[in-house]
Each structure stands twice: as structure tokens, then as C-alpha cells.
Protein backbone atom coordinates (compact mmCIF):
# COMPACT_ATOMS: atom_id res chain seq x y z
CA MET A 1 7.66 6.47 37.77
CA VAL A 2 5.92 8.14 34.96
CA ALA A 3 6.09 6.45 31.46
CA THR A 4 6.74 8.67 28.43
CA ILE A 5 5.91 7.70 25.05
CA PRO A 6 8.29 8.71 22.35
CA LYS A 7 6.84 10.67 19.41
CA ALA A 8 6.65 9.03 16.18
CA ARG A 9 8.79 10.35 13.53
CA ILE A 10 6.90 12.39 10.83
CA LYS A 11 7.00 10.42 7.45
CA PRO A 12 8.97 11.91 4.74
CA THR A 13 7.56 13.22 1.61
CA LYS A 14 8.16 11.36 -1.61
CA GLU A 15 11.05 13.59 -2.54
CA GLU A 16 12.51 13.38 0.86
CA ALA A 17 12.44 9.66 0.99
CA ALA A 18 13.97 9.68 -2.55
CA TYR A 19 16.80 11.94 -1.24
CA LEU A 20 17.40 9.82 2.04
CA ILE A 21 17.67 6.64 -0.09
CA GLU A 22 19.85 8.30 -2.99
CA VAL A 23 22.25 9.68 -0.25
CA SER A 24 22.48 6.34 1.89
CA PRO A 25 25.52 4.87 -0.05
CA ARG A 26 27.48 7.98 0.42
CA ILE A 27 26.76 7.92 4.20
CA ALA A 28 27.36 4.11 4.41
CA TRP A 29 30.51 3.84 1.96
CA HIS A 30 32.36 7.22 2.01
CA GLY A 31 31.31 8.27 5.46
CA GLU A 32 30.12 11.70 4.26
CA ASN A 33 28.05 14.15 6.47
CA VAL A 34 25.07 14.52 4.55
CA PRO A 35 22.62 17.40 5.93
CA CYS A 36 19.01 16.47 6.56
CA PRO A 37 16.80 18.01 3.79
CA ARG A 38 14.13 19.12 6.35
CA CYS A 39 16.25 20.41 9.29
CA GLY A 40 19.73 20.43 8.03
CA LYS A 41 21.29 18.17 10.80
CA THR A 42 23.27 15.42 10.02
CA LEU A 43 21.81 11.93 8.66
CA ILE A 44 22.73 8.74 10.32
CA TYR A 45 22.95 5.41 8.59
CA THR A 46 22.02 2.12 10.50
CA VAL A 47 22.24 -1.51 9.36
CA VAL A 48 20.41 -4.14 11.16
CA GLY A 49 20.70 -7.64 9.60
CA SER A 50 19.70 -7.21 5.73
CA SER A 51 17.64 -4.19 6.47
CA SER A 52 19.08 -0.51 6.60
CA SER A 53 17.79 2.86 8.10
CA VAL A 54 18.57 6.42 7.22
CA SER A 55 17.49 8.94 9.75
CA CYS A 56 18.08 12.47 11.08
CA SER A 57 20.04 12.73 14.29
CA ASP A 58 17.16 14.66 15.62
CA ASP A 59 14.77 12.19 17.16
CA GLU A 60 11.73 14.05 16.17
CA CYS A 61 12.58 14.52 12.46
CA ILE A 62 12.34 12.08 9.41
CA SER A 63 13.46 8.48 8.99
CA THR A 64 13.22 5.90 6.13
CA ASP A 65 13.91 2.22 6.23
CA CYS A 66 14.88 -0.29 3.36
CA ARG A 67 14.51 -4.06 3.72
CA GLY A 68 16.76 -6.20 2.40
CA ILE A 69 16.23 -9.78 0.85
């Protein structure tokens, strides 16, 4: 068996991170299909406890996390 280590996602620039945070309510509340600012694929909004994450559907593209209280 060969173990594979997944590549870490590339950190977004300040502008890309601001865009991901700005569009997160549109994805979460309205269910809009918002394009990734880097590659154009669909962004995915995920909630885990009191934190949330907005990431590209491409595993090797960008992602940003927001922590809750």
C-alpha cells in the first residue's frame, strides 16, 4: 500500500480572502452558485460547529476558514 499525502491548498491573497468571506452569505443563505475568483469553478460553503469554511470545488485551489465564538 502506498500512502499519498494530499497537497495543501494555496493560501488566498487578501483580495481573494475578502471575496470568499463576502460571498459566503450568498452561498449559505441564498444557495447561489458563486464562481471561484481563481479558477471559475463553484465555491462550497461548509459549517462545522461554530466555524465555517468557503472553498473551491477543486481540491487544489483556494480555501478560507472563519471561526465562530
